[in-house]
Amino acid sequence: MAGKILAVSAILVLLFSCTDNVAKSGGSTATDFKLQDLGGKNVALSDMKGKVVLLEFWATWCPPCRASIPGIERLHEKYKDKGVVVLAVSMDDGGWDAVQSFVKEYGMKYTVLKGNDDVALKYQVRSIPMLMVIDKEGKIVKRYLGFGSDEDIERDIKAVL
């Protein structure tokens, strides 16, 4: 019985943390990483220096992550030619063919990367989705936990362009 209570509690914590909408100011330097995109190409955060980066940690199984895709795609399309790069770090375990199918199904045209525990630990990812706006110098200027407002994220992107 105690095991069932613990399991239910863990699921409830995960569900509620997955939808927590809290914006936090940043200011710290974003830790560099190198991850593969879904085509197998290595992408390093340091290669984005001089651009504004919208960094998202997400997974295909997360309902708020799915709900955020149209807004992120809209921001990507609107700002991709103005020096903004979207990097979506998938925290799905294995099954990259399934992630590729998901990306096609949802029409995600921005860069999707294969995440790992090391990067999640460096960025203190405790719940998803988690988004960050990183300025041209590589500083985290805003951190959003949960499904944020597209308007707020756009305002923060404009502020550092």
C-alpha atoms as a PDB file:
ATOM      1  CA  MET A   1       0.000   0.000   0.000  1.00  0.00           C
ATOM      2  CA  ALA A   2       2.815   2.423   0.847  1.00  0.00           C
ATOM      3  CA  GLY A   3       4.370   1.721  -2.548  1.00  0.00           C
ATOM      4  CA  LYS A   4       1.123   2.623  -4.323  1.00  0.00           C
ATOM      5  CA  ILE A   5       0.804   5.860  -2.359  1.00  0.00           C
ATOM      6  CA  LEU A   6       4.405   6.761  -3.210  1.00  0.00           C
ATOM      7  CA  ALA A   7       3.837   6.011  -6.910  1.00  0.00           C
ATOM      8  CA  VAL A   8       0.631   8.072  -7.038  1.00  0.00           C
ATOM      9  CA  SER A   9       2.357  10.933  -5.202  1.00  0.00           C
ATOM     10  CA  ALA A  10       5.258  10.871  -7.655  1.00  0.00           C
ATOM     11  CA  ILE A  11       2.869  10.969 -10.615  1.00  0.00           C
ATOM     12  CA  LEU A  12       0.928  13.887  -9.129  1.00  0.00           C
ATOM     13  CA  VAL A  13       4.133  15.843  -8.491  1.00  0.00           C
ATOM     14  CA  LEU A  14       5.215  15.232 -12.083  1.00  0.00           C
ATOM     15  CA  LEU A  15       1.843  16.265 -13.505  1.00  0.00           C
ATOM     16  CA  PHE A  16       1.613  19.440 -11.489  1.00  0.00           C
ATOM     17  CA  SER A  17       5.230  20.423 -12.120  1.00  0.00           C
ATOM     18  CA  CYS A  18       4.725  19.810 -15.830  1.00  0.00           C
ATOM     19  CA  THR A  19       2.124  22.567 -15.969  1.00  0.00           C
ATOM     20  CA  ASP A  20       3.577  25.101 -13.519  1.00  0.00           C
ATOM     21  CA  ASN A  21       3.771  28.451 -15.318  1.00  0.00           C
ATOM     22  CA  VAL A  22       6.451  30.470 -13.575  1.00  0.00           C
ATOM     23  CA  ALA A  23       8.859  32.862 -15.261  1.00  0.00           C
ATOM     24  CA  LYS A  24      12.164  33.448 -13.559  1.00  0.00           C
ATOM     25  CA  SER A  25      14.843  35.938 -14.423  1.00  0.00           C
ATOM     26  CA  GLY A  26      18.147  34.520 -15.427  1.00  0.00           C
ATOM     27  CA  GLY A  27      21.443  36.314 -15.718  1.00  0.00           C
ATOM     28  CA  SER A  28      23.782  33.340 -15.564  1.00  0.00           C
ATOM     29  CA  THR A  29      25.829  32.191 -18.519  1.00  0.00           C
ATOM     30  CA  ALA A  30      24.247  29.305 -20.402  1.00  0.00           C
ATOM     31  CA  THR A  31      26.343  26.156 -20.123  1.00  0.00           C
ATOM     32  CA  ASP A  32      27.659  24.985 -23.465  1.00  0.00           C
ATOM     33  CA  PHE A  33      26.578  21.613 -24.796  1.00  0.00           C
ATOM     34  CA  LYS A  34      26.900  19.588 -27.965  1.00  0.00           C
ATOM     35  CA  LEU A  35      23.946  17.395 -28.922  1.00  0.00           C
ATOM     36  CA  GLN A  36      22.880  15.624 -32.077  1.00  0.00           C
ATOM     37  CA  ASP A  37      19.933  16.791 -34.072  1.00  0.00           C
ATOM     38  CA  LEU A  38      17.513  14.207 -35.396  1.00  0.00           C
ATOM     39  CA  GLY A  39      19.586  13.943 -38.595  1.00  0.00           C
ATOM     40  CA  GLY A  40      22.732  13.036 -36.635  1.00  0.00           C
ATOM     41  CA  LYS A  41      24.473  16.419 -37.003  1.00  0.00           C
ATOM     42  CA  ASN A  42      26.218  17.801 -33.899  1.00  0.00           C
ATOM     43  CA  VAL A  43      24.877  21.149 -32.711  1.00  0.00           C
ATOM     44  CA  ALA A  44      26.727  23.154 -30.048  1.00  0.00           C
ATOM     45  CA  LEU A  45      25.165  25.996 -28.106  1.00  0.00           C
ATOM     46  CA  SER A  46      28.450  27.896 -28.436  1.00  0.00           C
ATOM     47  CA  ASP A  47      27.929  27.917 -32.222  1.00  0.00           C
ATOM     48  CA  MET A  48      24.904  30.164 -31.621  1.00  0.00           C
ATOM     49  CA  LYS A  49      26.960  33.041 -30.169  1.00  0.00           C
ATOM     50  CA  GLY A  50      25.692  36.313 -31.595  1.00  0.00           C
ATOM     51  CA  LYS A  51      22.144  34.956 -31.910  1.00  0.00           C
ATOM     52  CA  VAL A  52      19.230  34.914 -29.514  1.00  0.00           C
ATOM     53  CA  VAL A  53      18.369  31.338 -28.553  1.00  0.00           C
ATOM     54  CA  LEU A  54      15.021  30.020 -27.391  1.00  0.00           C
ATOM     55  CA  LEU A  55      16.038  26.805 -25.638  1.00  0.00           C
ATOM     56  CA  GLU A  56      13.273  24.361 -24.784  1.00  0.00           C
ATOM     57  CA  PHE A  57      13.377  21.087 -22.867  1.00  0.00           C
ATOM     58  CA  TRP A  58      10.380  18.942 -23.810  1.00  0.00           C
ATOM     59  CA  ALA A  59       9.128  15.420 -24.571  1.00  0.00           C
ATOM     60  CA  THR A  60       6.569  13.901 -26.921  1.00  0.00           C
ATOM     61  CA  TRP A  61       4.580  12.395 -24.013  1.00  0.00           C
ATOM     62  CA  CYS A  62       4.091  15.744 -22.203  1.00  0.00           C
ATOM     63  CA  PRO A  63       0.688  17.397 -22.939  1.00  0.00           C
ATOM     64  CA  PRO A  64       1.840  20.968 -22.099  1.00  0.00           C
ATOM     65  CA  CYS A  65       4.875  20.424 -24.365  1.00  0.00           C
ATOM     66  CA  ARG A  66       2.566  19.454 -27.205  1.00  0.00           C
ATOM     67  CA  ALA A  67       0.366  22.488 -26.514  1.00  0.00           C
ATOM     68  CA  SER A  68       3.371  24.826 -26.745  1.00  0.00           C
ATOM     69  CA  ILE A  69       4.473  23.654 -30.216  1.00  0.00           C
ATOM     70  CA  PRO A  70       2.255  25.973 -32.329  1.00  0.00           C
ATOM     71  CA  GLY A  71       3.383  29.061 -30.397  1.00  0.00           C
ATOM     72  CA  ILE A  72       7.043  28.112 -30.594  1.00  0.00           C
ATOM     73  CA  GLU A  73       6.683  27.374 -34.310  1.00  0.00           C
ATOM     74  CA  ARG A  74       5.071  30.792 -34.794  1.00  0.00           C
ATOM     75  CA  LEU A  75       7.968  32.485 -32.980  1.00  0.00           C
ATOM     76  CA  HIS A  76      10.458  30.452 -35.010  1.00  0.00           C
ATOM     77  CA  GLU A  77       8.887  31.488 -38.311  1.00  0.00           C
ATOM     78  CA  LYS A  78       8.585  35.138 -37.276  1.00  0.00           C
ATOM     79  CA  TYR A  79      12.146  35.563 -35.940  1.00  0.00           C
ATOM     80  CA  LYS A  80      14.335  32.981 -37.722  1.00  0.00           C
ATOM     81  CA  ASP A  81      15.572  35.600 -40.203  1.00  0.00           C
ATOM     82  CA  LYS A  82      16.140  38.156 -37.428  1.00  0.00           C
ATOM     83  CA  GLY A  83      18.822  36.263 -35.506  1.00  0.00           C
ATOM     84  CA  VAL A  84      16.709  33.956 -33.330  1.00  0.00           C
ATOM     85  CA  VAL A  85      17.344  30.207 -33.143  1.00  0.00           C
ATOM     86  CA  VAL A  86      14.995  27.693 -31.522  1.00  0.00           C
ATOM     87  CA  LEU A  87      16.635  24.604 -30.016  1.00  0.00           C
ATOM     88  CA  ALA A  88      14.182  22.020 -28.687  1.00  0.00           C
ATOM     89  CA  VAL A  89      15.946  19.424 -26.532  1.00  0.00           C
ATOM     90  CA  SER A  90      13.907  16.223 -26.522  1.00  0.00           C
ATOM     91  CA  MET A  91      14.022  14.382 -23.215  1.00  0.00           C
ATOM     92  CA  ASP A  92      12.395  11.270 -24.685  1.00  0.00           C
ATOM     93  CA  ASP A  93      14.221   8.033 -23.889  1.00  0.00           C
ATOM     94  CA  GLY A  94      15.396   6.311 -27.061  1.00  0.00           C
ATOM     95  CA  GLY A  95      12.993   5.699 -29.897  1.00  0.00           C
ATOM     96  CA  TRP A  96      14.297   8.530 -32.056  1.00  0.00           C
ATOM     97  CA  ASP A  97      12.323   7.237 -35.030  1.00  0.00           C
ATOM     98  CA  ALA A  98       9.197   7.961 -32.977  1.00  0.00           C
ATOM     99  CA  VAL A  99      10.471  11.475 -32.185  1.00  0.00           C
ATOM    100  CA  GLN A 100      11.158  12.090 -35.887  1.00  0.00           C
ATOM    101  CA  SER A 101       7.629  10.939 -36.741  1.00  0.00           C
ATOM    102  CA  PHE A 102       6.243  13.210 -34.012  1.00  0.00           C
ATOM    103  CA  VAL A 103       8.232  16.197 -35.350  1.00  0.00           C
ATOM    104  CA  LYS A 104       6.836  15.616 -38.847  1.00  0.00           C
ATOM    105  CA  GLU A 105       3.289  15.109 -37.578  1.00  0.00           C
ATOM    106  CA  TYR A 106       3.353  18.350 -35.568  1.00  0.00           C
ATOM    107  CA  GLY A 107       5.094  20.341 -38.323  1.00  0.00           C
ATOM    108  CA  MET A 108       8.056  21.325 -36.167  1.00  0.00           C
ATOM    109  CA  LYS A 109      10.496  23.156 -38.443  1.00  0.00           C
ATOM    110  CA  TYR A 110      12.859  24.307 -35.718  1.00  0.00           C
ATOM    111  CA  THR A 111      15.872  22.288 -34.555  1.00  0.00           C
ATOM    112  CA  VAL A 112      15.132  19.278 -32.358  1.00  0.00           C
ATOM    113  CA  LEU A 113      18.049  17.825 -30.410  1.00  0.00           C
ATOM    114  CA  LYS A 114      18.508  14.499 -28.634  1.00  0.00           C
ATOM    115  CA  GLY A 115      18.770  15.412 -24.956  1.00  0.00           C
ATOM    116  CA  ASN A 116      20.481  13.475 -22.200  1.00  0.00           C
ATOM    117  CA  ASP A 117      20.677  13.429 -18.415  1.00  0.00           C
ATOM    118  CA  ASP A 118      23.945  15.393 -18.394  1.00  0.00           C
ATOM    119  CA  VAL A 119      22.457  18.408 -20.184  1.00  0.00           C
ATOM    120  CA  ALA A 120      19.260  18.196 -18.123  1.00  0.00           C
ATOM    121  CA  LEU A 121      21.355  18.239 -14.945  1.00  0.00           C
ATOM    122  CA  LYS A 122      23.439  21.210 -16.115  1.00  0.00           C
ATOM    123  CA  TYR A 123      20.274  23.189 -16.790  1.00  0.00           C
ATOM    124  CA  GLN A 124      18.520  21.984 -13.642  1.00  0.00           C
ATOM    125  CA  VAL A 125      15.581  20.569 -15.588  1.00  0.00           C
ATOM    126  CA  ARG A 126      13.171  19.265 -12.989  1.00  0.00           C
ATOM    127  CA  SER A 127       9.979  19.563 -14.992  1.00  0.00           C
ATOM    128  CA  ILE A 128       9.035  20.047 -18.603  1.00  0.00           C
ATOM    129  CA  PRO A 129       8.396  22.004 -20.630  1.00  0.00           C
ATOM    130  CA  MET A 130      11.126  24.388 -19.584  1.00  0.00           C
ATOM    131  CA  LEU A 131      12.072  27.258 -21.862  1.00  0.00           C
ATOM    132  CA  MET A 132      14.887  29.762 -21.680  1.00  0.00           C
ATOM    133  CA  VAL A 133      15.665  32.899 -23.607  1.00  0.00           C
ATOM    134  CA  ILE A 134      19.427  33.236 -24.070  1.00  0.00           C
ATOM    135  CA  ASP A 135      20.827  36.547 -25.302  1.00  0.00           C
ATOM    136  CA  LYS A 136      23.478  37.095 -27.985  1.00  0.00           C
ATOM    137  CA  GLU A 137      26.272  36.925 -25.396  1.00  0.00           C
ATOM    138  CA  GLY A 138      25.094  33.567 -24.061  1.00  0.00           C
ATOM    139  CA  LYS A 139      23.386  34.814 -20.879  1.00  0.00           C
ATOM    140  CA  ILE A 140      20.105  33.314 -19.739  1.00  0.00           C
ATOM    141  CA  VAL A 141      17.770  36.303 -19.503  1.00  0.00           C
ATOM    142  CA  LYS A 142      14.544  34.467 -18.718  1.00  0.00           C
ATOM    143  CA  ARG A 143      13.564  30.980 -17.646  1.00  0.00           C
ATOM    144  CA  TYR A 144      10.004  29.699 -18.016  1.00  0.00           C
ATOM    145  CA  LEU A 145       8.867  26.611 -16.126  1.00  0.00           C
ATOM    146  CA  GLY A 146       5.814  25.081 -17.718  1.00  0.00           C
ATOM    147  CA  PHE A 147       3.765  26.262 -20.639  1.00  0.00           C
ATOM    148  CA  GLY A 148       4.502  29.985 -20.853  1.00  0.00           C
ATOM    149  CA  SER A 149       2.659  32.754 -22.609  1.00  0.00           C
ATOM    150  CA  ASP A 150       3.728  33.230 -26.231  1.00  0.00           C
ATOM    151  CA  GLU A 151       3.364  36.977 -25.749  1.00  0.00           C
ATOM    152  CA  ASP A 152       5.699  37.006 -22.735  1.00  0.00           C
ATOM    153  CA  ILE A 153       8.291  34.896 -24.533  1.00  0.00           C
ATOM    154  CA  GLU A 154       8.070  37.127 -27.615  1.00  0.00           C
ATOM    155  CA  ARG A 155       8.492  40.230 -25.442  1.00  0.00           C
ATOM    156  CA  ASP A 156      11.634  38.721 -23.896  1.00  0.00           C
ATOM    157  CA  ILE A 157      13.011  37.806 -27.327  1.00  0.00           C
ATOM    158  CA  LYS A 158      12.398  41.338 -28.627  1.00  0.00           C
ATOM    159  CA  ALA A 159      14.120  42.807 -25.572  1.00  0.00           C
ATOM    160  CA  VAL A 160      17.410  41.078 -26.401  1.00  0.00           C
ATOM    161  CA  LEU A 161      17.331  41.372 -30.181  1.00  0.00           C
END
